[in-house]
PDB file of N, CA and C in Angstrom:
ATOM      1  N   MET A   1      -2.843 -10.354  -1.294  1.00  0.00           N
ATOM      2  CA  MET A   1      -2.002 -11.200  -2.109  1.00  0.00           C
ATOM      3  C   MET A   1      -0.517 -10.899  -1.797  1.00  0.00           C
ATOM      4  N   SER A   2      -0.147  -9.652  -1.557  1.00  0.00           N
ATOM      5  CA  SER A   2       1.267  -9.341  -1.363  1.00  0.00           C
ATOM      6  C   SER A   2       1.775  -9.945  -0.024  1.00  0.00           C
ATOM      7  N   ALA A   3       0.863 -10.219   0.898  1.00  0.00           N
ATOM      8  CA  ALA A   3       1.312 -10.825   2.153  1.00  0.00           C
ATOM      9  C   ALA A   3       1.262 -12.358   2.107  1.00  0.00           C
ATOM     10  N   THR A   4       0.545 -12.933   1.161  1.00  0.00           N
ATOM     11  CA  THR A   4       0.415 -14.415   1.174  1.00  0.00           C
ATOM     12  C   THR A   4       1.382 -15.073   0.183  1.00  0.00           C
ATOM     13  N   LEU A   5       1.853 -14.370  -0.844  1.00  0.00           N
ATOM     14  CA  LEU A   5       2.751 -15.009  -1.828  1.00  0.00           C
ATOM     15  C   LEU A   5       4.182 -15.195  -1.312  1.00  0.00           C
ATOM     16  N   PRO A   6       4.782 -14.260  -0.598  1.00  0.00           N
ATOM     17  CA  PRO A   6       6.190 -14.404  -0.174  1.00  0.00           C
ATOM     18  C   PRO A   6       6.518 -15.660   0.565  1.00  0.00           C
ATOM     19  N   PRO A   7       5.693 -16.120   1.514  1.00  0.00           N
ATOM     20  CA  PRO A   7       6.065 -17.335   2.258  1.00  0.00           C
ATOM     21  C   PRO A   7       6.235 -18.564   1.350  1.00  0.00           C
ATOM     22  N   LYS A   8       5.454 -18.587   0.269  1.00  0.00           N
ATOM     23  CA  LYS A   8       5.566 -19.766  -0.637  1.00  0.00           C
ATOM     24  C   LYS A   8       6.926 -19.807  -1.290  1.00  0.00           C
ATOM     25  N   ALA A   9       7.612 -18.679  -1.374  1.00  0.00           N
ATOM     26  CA  ALA A   9       8.980 -18.608  -1.974  1.00  0.00           C
ATOM     27  C   ALA A   9      10.051 -18.474  -0.923  1.00  0.00           C
ATOM     28  N   GLY A  10       9.698 -18.571   0.374  1.00  0.00           N
ATOM     29  CA  GLY A  10      10.664 -18.504   1.444  1.00  0.00           C
ATOM     30  C   GLY A  10      10.968 -17.081   1.890  1.00  0.00           C
ATOM     31  N   TRP A  11      10.152 -16.128   1.506  1.00  0.00           N
ATOM     32  CA  TRP A  11      10.312 -14.706   1.861  1.00  0.00           C
ATOM     33  C   TRP A  11       9.270 -14.318   2.905  1.00  0.00           C
ATOM     34  N   LYS A  12       9.472 -13.168   3.469  1.00  0.00           N
ATOM     35  CA  LYS A  12       8.448 -12.582   4.350  1.00  0.00           C
ATOM     36  C   LYS A  12       8.045 -11.224   3.747  1.00  0.00           C
ATOM     37  N   PHE A  13       6.780 -10.845   3.948  1.00  0.00           N
ATOM     38  CA  PHE A  13       6.355  -9.501   3.527  1.00  0.00           C
ATOM     39  C   PHE A  13       6.919  -8.530   4.541  1.00  0.00           C
ATOM     40  N   GLY A  14       7.705  -7.553   4.086  1.00  0.00           N
ATOM     41  CA  GLY A  14       8.481  -6.744   4.970  1.00  0.00           C
ATOM     42  C   GLY A  14       7.909  -5.441   5.418  1.00  0.00           C
ATOM     43  N   ASN A  15       6.565  -5.260   5.337  1.00  0.00           N
ATOM     44  CA  ASN A  15       5.987  -4.004   5.738  1.00  0.00           C
ATOM     45  C   ASN A  15       4.573  -4.268   6.286  1.00  0.00           C
ATOM     46  N   SER A  16       4.006  -3.280   6.919  1.00  0.00           N
ATOM     47  CA  SER A  16       2.643  -3.419   7.434  1.00  0.00           C
ATOM     48  C   SER A  16       1.638  -2.967   6.404  1.00  0.00           C
ATOM     49  N   THR A  17       2.061  -2.290   5.352  1.00  0.00           N
ATOM     50  CA  THR A  17       1.198  -1.829   4.275  1.00  0.00           C
ATOM     51  C   THR A  17       1.770  -2.248   2.905  1.00  0.00           C
ATOM     52  N   ALA A  18       0.939  -2.143   1.881  1.00  0.00           N
ATOM     53  CA  ALA A  18       1.351  -2.460   0.523  1.00  0.00           C
ATOM     54  C   ALA A  18       1.303  -1.220  -0.375  1.00  0.00           C
ATOM     55  N   GLY A  19       1.230  -0.026   0.226  1.00  0.00           N
ATOM     56  CA  GLY A  19       1.214   1.183  -0.551  1.00  0.00           C
ATOM     57  C   GLY A  19       0.404   2.269   0.139  1.00  0.00           C
ATOM     58  N   HIS A  20       0.221   3.380  -0.612  1.00  0.00           N
ATOM     59  CA  HIS A  20      -0.476   4.544  -0.032  1.00  0.00           C
ATOM     60  C   HIS A  20      -1.089   5.407  -1.082  1.00  0.00           C
ATOM     61  N   LEU A  21      -2.006   6.215  -0.657  1.00  0.00           N
ATOM     62  CA  LEU A  21      -2.675   7.180  -1.512  1.00  0.00           C
ATOM     63  C   LEU A  21      -1.681   8.318  -1.838  1.00  0.00           C
ATOM     64  N   ILE A  22      -1.751   8.814  -3.069  1.00  0.00           N
ATOM     65  CA  ILE A  22      -0.913   9.964  -3.434  1.00  0.00           C
ATOM     66  C   ILE A  22      -1.653  11.246  -3.049  1.00  0.00           C
ATOM     67  N   GLY A  23      -0.910  12.141  -2.452  1.00  0.00           N
ATOM     68  CA  GLY A  23      -1.475  13.396  -2.016  1.00  0.00           C
ATOM     69  C   GLY A  23      -0.348  14.342  -1.626  1.00  0.00           C
ATOM     70  N   ARG A  24      -0.643  15.240  -0.761  1.00  0.00           N
ATOM     71  CA  ARG A  24       0.384  16.155  -0.253  1.00  0.00           C
ATOM     72  C   ARG A  24       1.131  15.461   0.869  1.00  0.00           C
ATOM     73  N   PHE A  25       1.931  14.480   0.508  1.00  0.00           N
ATOM     74  CA  PHE A  25       2.731  13.689   1.389  1.00  0.00           C
ATOM     75  C   PHE A  25       1.894  13.070   2.514  1.00  0.00           C
ATOM     76  N   PRO A  26       0.810  12.353   2.203  1.00  0.00           N
ATOM     77  CA  PRO A  26      -0.068  11.821   3.217  1.00  0.00           C
ATOM     78  C   PRO A  26       0.679  10.761   4.123  1.00  0.00           C
ATOM     79  N   HIS A  27       1.677  10.112   3.584  1.00  0.00           N
ATOM     80  CA  HIS A  27       2.372   9.095   4.401  1.00  0.00           C
ATOM     81  C   HIS A  27       3.370   9.680   5.360  1.00  0.00           C
ATOM     82  N   GLU A  28       3.660  11.005   5.305  1.00  0.00           N
ATOM     83  CA  GLU A  28       4.602  11.615   6.195  1.00  0.00           C
ATOM     84  C   GLU A  28       3.920  12.343   7.351  1.00  0.00           C
ATOM     85  N   LYS A  29       2.604  12.437   7.332  1.00  0.00           N
ATOM     86  CA  LYS A  29       1.908  13.163   8.383  1.00  0.00           C
ATOM     87  C   LYS A  29       1.564  12.197   9.533  1.00  0.00           C
ATOM     88  N   ASN A  30       1.546  12.717  10.736  1.00  0.00           N
ATOM     89  CA  ASN A  30       1.127  11.995  11.905  1.00  0.00           C
ATOM     90  C   ASN A  30      -0.427  12.073  11.917  1.00  0.00           C
ATOM     91  N   ILE A  31      -1.078  11.090  11.315  1.00  0.00           N
ATOM     92  CA  ILE A  31      -2.501  11.239  11.106  1.00  0.00           C
ATOM     93  C   ILE A  31      -3.355  10.363  12.009  1.00  0.00           C
ATOM     94  N   GLY A  32      -2.745   9.503  12.738  1.00  0.00           N
ATOM     95  CA  GLY A  32      -3.467   8.635  13.661  1.00  0.00           C
ATOM     96  C   GLY A  32      -3.967   7.386  13.001  1.00  0.00           C
ATOM     97  N   PRO A  33      -4.279   6.335  13.781  1.00  0.00           N
ATOM     98  CA  PRO A  33      -4.634   5.044  13.194  1.00  0.00           C
ATOM     99  C   PRO A  33      -5.935   5.023  12.416  1.00  0.00           C
ATOM    100  N   SER A  34      -6.959   5.794  12.826  1.00  0.00           N
ATOM    101  CA  SER A  34      -8.198   5.718  12.115  1.00  0.00           C
ATOM    102  C   SER A  34      -8.096   6.331  10.705  1.00  0.00           C
ATOM    103  N   ARG A  35      -7.407   7.419  10.563  1.00  0.00           N
ATOM    104  CA  ARG A  35      -7.203   8.027   9.249  1.00  0.00           C
ATOM    105  C   ARG A  35      -6.211   7.243   8.376  1.00  0.00           C
ATOM    106  N   SER A  36      -5.253   6.598   8.992  1.00  0.00           N
ATOM    107  CA  SER A  36      -4.237   5.831   8.219  1.00  0.00           C
ATOM    108  C   SER A  36      -4.886   4.692   7.476  1.00  0.00           C
ATOM    109  N   ARG A  37      -6.002   4.173   8.006  1.00  0.00           N
ATOM    110  CA  ARG A  37      -6.724   3.078   7.320  1.00  0.00           C
ATOM    111  C   ARG A  37      -7.297   3.527   5.992  1.00  0.00           C
ATOM    112  N   THR A  38      -7.502   4.844   5.801  1.00  0.00           N
ATOM    113  CA  THR A  38      -8.090   5.334   4.549  1.00  0.00           C
ATOM    114  C   THR A  38      -7.070   5.751   3.536  1.00  0.00           C
ATOM    115  N   ILE A  39      -5.780   5.895   3.894  1.00  0.00           N
ATOM    116  CA  ILE A  39      -4.781   6.289   2.913  1.00  0.00           C
ATOM    117  C   ILE A  39      -3.747   5.243   2.627  1.00  0.00           C
ATOM    118  N   LEU A  40      -3.823   4.115   3.308  1.00  0.00           N
ATOM    119  CA  LEU A  40      -2.833   3.046   3.146  1.00  0.00           C
ATOM    120  C   LEU A  40      -3.530   1.829   2.512  1.00  0.00           C
ATOM    121  N   ILE A  41      -2.751   1.103   1.660  1.00  0.00           N
ATOM    122  CA  ILE A  41      -3.236  -0.137   1.135  1.00  0.00           C
ATOM    123  C   ILE A  41      -2.898  -1.219   2.168  1.00  0.00           C
ATOM    124  N   ARG A  42      -3.895  -1.711   2.872  1.00  0.00           N
ATOM    125  CA  ARG A  42      -3.725  -2.696   3.927  1.00  0.00           C
ATOM    126  C   ARG A  42      -5.057  -3.398   4.156  1.00  0.00           C
ATOM    127  N   HIS A  43      -5.001  -4.480   4.927  1.00  0.00           N
ATOM    128  CA  HIS A  43      -6.218  -5.311   5.139  1.00  0.00           C
ATOM    129  C   HIS A  43      -7.388  -4.516   5.727  1.00  0.00           C
ATOM    130  N   ASP A  44      -7.127  -3.592   6.635  1.00  0.00           N
ATOM    131  CA  ASP A  44      -8.252  -2.913   7.292  1.00  0.00           C
ATOM    132  C   ASP A  44      -8.715  -1.630   6.598  1.00  0.00           C
ATOM    133  N   ASN A  45      -8.256  -1.400   5.353  1.00  0.00           N
ATOM    134  CA  ASN A  45      -8.737  -0.275   4.544  1.00  0.00           C
ATOM    135  C   ASN A  45      -9.959  -0.725   3.771  1.00  0.00           C
ATOM    136  N   SER A  46     -11.075  -0.152   4.065  1.00  0.00           N
ATOM    137  CA  SER A  46     -12.336  -0.574   3.407  1.00  0.00           C
ATOM    138  C   SER A  46     -12.652   0.251   2.169  1.00  0.00           C
ATOM    139  N   ILE A  47     -11.811   1.237   1.827  1.00  0.00           N
ATOM    140  CA  ILE A  47     -12.016   2.036   0.651  1.00  0.00           C
ATOM    141  C   ILE A  47     -11.696   1.244  -0.601  1.00  0.00           C
ATOM    142  N   ILE A  48     -12.558   1.252  -1.580  1.00  0.00           N
ATOM    143  CA  ILE A  48     -12.323   0.642  -2.876  1.00  0.00           C
ATOM    144  C   ILE A  48     -11.338   1.558  -3.613  1.00  0.00           C
ATOM    145  N   LEU A  49     -10.279   0.994  -4.187  1.00  0.00           N
ATOM    146  CA  LEU A  49      -9.272   1.834  -4.817  1.00  0.00           C
ATOM    147  C   LEU A  49      -9.826   2.682  -5.962  1.00  0.00           C
ATOM    148  N   ARG A  50     -10.866   2.220  -6.607  1.00  0.00           N
ATOM    149  CA  ARG A  50     -11.464   3.027  -7.680  1.00  0.00           C
ATOM    150  C   ARG A  50     -12.437   4.064  -7.192  1.00  0.00           C
ATOM    151  N   GLU A  51     -12.732   4.070  -5.921  1.00  0.00           N
ATOM    152  CA  GLU A  51     -13.663   5.061  -5.370  1.00  0.00           C
ATOM    153  C   GLU A  51     -13.068   6.469  -5.492  1.00  0.00           C
ATOM    154  N   ARG A  52     -13.917   7.403  -5.853  1.00  0.00           N
ATOM    155  CA  ARG A  52     -13.472   8.819  -5.981  1.00  0.00           C
ATOM    156  C   ARG A  52     -13.381   9.441  -4.610  1.00  0.00           C
ATOM    157  N   ASP A  53     -12.636  10.548  -4.529  1.00  0.00           N
ATOM    158  CA  ASP A  53     -12.499  11.250  -3.236  1.00  0.00           C
ATOM    159  C   ASP A  53     -13.716  12.107  -2.995  1.00  0.00           C
ATOM    160  N   ALA A  54     -13.733  12.850  -1.870  1.00  0.00           N
ATOM    161  CA  ALA A  54     -14.908  13.649  -1.506  1.00  0.00           C
ATOM    162  C   ALA A  54     -15.267  14.709  -2.515  1.00  0.00           C
ATOM    163  N   ALA A  55     -14.290  15.153  -3.319  1.00  0.00           N
ATOM    164  CA  ALA A  55     -14.501  16.180  -4.342  1.00  0.00           C
ATOM    165  C   ALA A  55     -14.915  15.571  -5.690  1.00  0.00           C
ATOM    166  N   GLY A  56     -14.954  14.282  -5.732  1.00  0.00           N
ATOM    167  CA  GLY A  56     -15.340  13.559  -6.980  1.00  0.00           C
ATOM    168  C   GLY A  56     -14.164  13.284  -7.912  1.00  0.00           C
ATOM    169  N   ALA A  57     -12.948  13.606  -7.466  1.00  0.00           N
ATOM    170  CA  ALA A  57     -11.781  13.366  -8.282  1.00  0.00           C
ATOM    171  C   ALA A  57     -11.299  11.919  -8.149  1.00  0.00           C
ATOM    172  N   PRO A  58     -10.687  11.307  -9.164  1.00  0.00           N
ATOM    173  CA  PRO A  58     -10.164   9.968  -9.055  1.00  0.00           C
ATOM    174  C   PRO A  58      -8.980   9.964  -8.054  1.00  0.00           C
ATOM    175  N   ARG A  59      -8.845   8.845  -7.355  1.00  0.00           N
ATOM    176  CA  ARG A  59      -7.708   8.678  -6.430  1.00  0.00           C
ATOM    177  C   ARG A  59      -6.602   7.969  -7.215  1.00  0.00           C
ATOM    178  N   HIS A  60      -5.367   8.263  -6.820  1.00  0.00           N
ATOM    179  CA  HIS A  60      -4.221   7.553  -7.387  1.00  0.00           C
ATOM    180  C   HIS A  60      -3.380   6.986  -6.211  1.00  0.00           C
ATOM    181  N   TRP A  61      -2.906   5.818  -6.411  1.00  0.00           N
ATOM    182  CA  TRP A  61      -2.205   5.087  -5.354  1.00  0.00           C
ATOM    183  C   TRP A  61      -0.806   4.683  -5.754  1.00  0.00           C
ATOM    184  N   ILE A  62       0.075   4.530  -4.785  1.00  0.00           N
ATOM    185  CA  ILE A  62       1.391   3.951  -5.017  1.00  0.00           C
ATOM    186  C   ILE A  62       1.382   2.548  -4.421  1.00  0.00           C
ATOM    187  N   LEU A  63       1.719   1.575  -5.217  1.00  0.00           N
ATOM    188  CA  LEU A  63       1.857   0.207  -4.723  1.00  0.00           C
ATOM    189  C   LEU A  63       3.305   0.017  -4.277  1.00  0.00           C
ATOM    190  N   GLU A  64       3.523  -0.443  -3.056  1.00  0.00           N
ATOM    191  CA  GLU A  64       4.862  -0.679  -2.514  1.00  0.00           C
ATOM    192  C   GLU A  64       4.949  -2.088  -1.984  1.00  0.00           C
ATOM    193  N   ILE A  65       5.768  -2.901  -2.510  1.00  0.00           N
ATOM    194  CA  ILE A  65       5.932  -4.278  -2.083  1.00  0.00           C
ATOM    195  C   ILE A  65       7.361  -4.471  -1.562  1.00  0.00           C
ATOM    196  N   HIS A  66       7.464  -4.981  -0.344  1.00  0.00           N
ATOM    197  CA  HIS A  66       8.754  -5.271   0.287  1.00  0.00           C
ATOM    198  C   HIS A  66       8.793  -6.768   0.559  1.00  0.00           C
ATOM    199  N   PHE A  67       9.766  -7.446   0.034  1.00  0.00           N
ATOM    200  CA  PHE A  67       9.980  -8.868   0.332  1.00  0.00           C
ATOM    201  C   PHE A  67      11.329  -8.975   1.055  1.00  0.00           C
ATOM    202  N   VAL A  68      11.382  -9.782   2.097  1.00  0.00           N
ATOM    203  CA  VAL A  68      12.577  -9.860   2.935  1.00  0.00           C
ATOM    204  C   VAL A  68      12.910 -11.362   3.155  1.00  0.00           C
ATOM    205  N   ASP A  69      14.191 -11.666   3.014  1.00  0.00           N
ATOM    206  CA  ASP A  69      14.690 -13.001   3.386  1.00  0.00           C
ATOM    207  C   ASP A  69      15.549 -12.777   4.649  1.00  0.00           C
ATOM    208  N   ARG A  70      14.970 -13.008   5.789  1.00  0.00           N
ATOM    209  CA  ARG A  70      15.655 -12.725   7.039  1.00  0.00           C
ATOM    210  C   ARG A  70      16.825 -13.685   7.287  1.00  0.00           C
ATOM    211  N   THR A  71      16.797 -14.890   6.731  1.00  0.00           N
ATOM    212  CA  THR A  71      17.869 -15.822   6.951  1.00  0.00           C
ATOM    213  C   THR A  71      19.117 -15.347   6.186  1.00  0.00           C
ATOM    214  N   ARG A  72      18.968 -14.984   4.952  1.00  0.00           N
ATOM    215  CA  ARG A  72      20.118 -14.538   4.151  1.00  0.00           C
ATOM    216  C   ARG A  72      20.341 -13.018   4.278  1.00  0.00           C
ATOM    217  N   MET A  73      19.496 -12.319   5.005  1.00  0.00           N
ATOM    218  CA  MET A  73      19.653 -10.915   5.390  1.00  0.00           C
ATOM    219  C   MET A  73      19.704  -9.975   4.111  1.00  0.00           C
ATOM    220  N   PHE A  74      18.705 -10.141   3.228  1.00  0.00           N
ATOM    221  CA  PHE A  74      18.547  -9.189   2.157  1.00  0.00           C
ATOM    222  C   PHE A  74      17.091  -9.173   1.732  1.00  0.00           C
ATOM    223  N   GLY A  75      16.713  -8.204   0.942  1.00  0.00           N
ATOM    224  CA  GLY A  75      15.341  -8.103   0.513  1.00  0.00           C
ATOM    225  C   GLY A  75      15.235  -7.355  -0.795  1.00  0.00           C
ATOM    226  N   GLY A  76      13.996  -7.189  -1.222  1.00  0.00           N
ATOM    227  CA  GLY A  76      13.692  -6.484  -2.467  1.00  0.00           C
ATOM    228  C   GLY A  76      12.511  -5.568  -2.271  1.00  0.00           C
ATOM    229  N   PHE A  77      12.487  -4.533  -3.103  1.00  0.00           N
ATOM    230  CA  PHE A  77      11.464  -3.553  -3.012  1.00  0.00           C
ATOM    231  C   PHE A  77      10.968  -3.225  -4.413  1.00  0.00           C
ATOM    232  N   PHE A  78       9.650  -3.129  -4.571  1.00  0.00           N
ATOM    233  CA  PHE A  78       9.039  -2.786  -5.833  1.00  0.00           C
ATOM    234  C   PHE A  78       8.014  -1.676  -5.580  1.00  0.00           C
ATOM    235  N   GLU A  79       8.043  -0.666  -6.413  1.00  0.00           N
ATOM    236  CA  GLU A  79       7.097   0.443  -6.271  1.00  0.00           C
ATOM    237  C   GLU A  79       6.560   0.790  -7.627  1.00  0.00           C
ATOM    238  N   GLU A  80       5.249   1.032  -7.709  1.00  0.00           N
ATOM    239  CA  GLU A  80       4.612   1.412  -8.956  1.00  0.00           C
ATOM    240  C   GLU A  80       3.412   2.293  -8.751  1.00  0.00           C
ATOM    241  N   LEU A  81       3.232   3.252  -9.644  1.00  0.00           N
ATOM    242  CA  LEU A  81       2.042   4.064  -9.609  1.00  0.00           C
ATOM    243  C   LEU A  81       0.863   3.295 -10.145  1.00  0.00           C
ATOM    244  N   LEU A  82      -0.220   3.298  -9.353  1.00  0.00           N
ATOM    245  CA  LEU A  82      -1.460   2.717  -9.805  1.00  0.00           C
ATOM    246  C   LEU A  82      -2.380   3.835 -10.217  1.00  0.00           C
ATOM    247  N   THR A  83      -2.527   4.058 -11.485  1.00  0.00           N
ATOM    248  CA  THR A  83      -3.406   5.095 -11.975  1.00  0.00           C
ATOM    249  C   THR A  83      -4.752   4.490 -12.162  1.00  0.00           C
ATOM    250  N   ILE A  84      -5.673   4.846 -11.317  1.00  0.00           N
ATOM    251  CA  ILE A  84      -7.000   4.266 -11.292  1.00  0.00           C
ATOM    252  C   ILE A  84      -7.917   5.178 -12.088  1.00  0.00           C
ATOM    253  N   GLY A  85      -8.413   4.708 -13.219  1.00  0.00           N
ATOM    254  CA  GLY A  85      -9.292   5.481 -14.040  1.00  0.00           C
ATOM    255  C   GLY A  85     -10.735   5.276 -13.603  1.00  0.00           C
ATOM    256  N   PRO A  86     -11.660   5.863 -14.357  1.00  0.00           N
ATOM    257  CA  PRO A  86     -13.086   5.697 -14.016  1.00  0.00           C
ATOM    258  C   PRO A  86     -13.550   4.244 -14.049  1.00  0.00           C
ATOM    259  N   ALA A  87     -14.416   3.958 -13.174  1.00  0.00           N
ATOM    260  CA  ALA A  87     -14.934   2.546 -13.115  1.00  0.00           C
ATOM    261  C   ALA A  87     -15.851   2.248 -14.263  1.00  0.00           C
TER     262      ALA A  87
END
């Protein structure tokens, strides 16, 4: 949804992801493409956000939305904690 709504308003989605898993700075590690699919909110991540981790603990995610107007050269950023409780 975050990648399909901006064009309707004349914006572009300004990032390759829409957020990330919270952990010990998982977004700052050089983890490689196969692992990045499991900690980033993106089309090729097959993990259900409500799915628990390997230890059975709930996962928590950060939603990050970047909208960019390249013609007028400005953009906006929204970030929110997604606290995912038990299913």
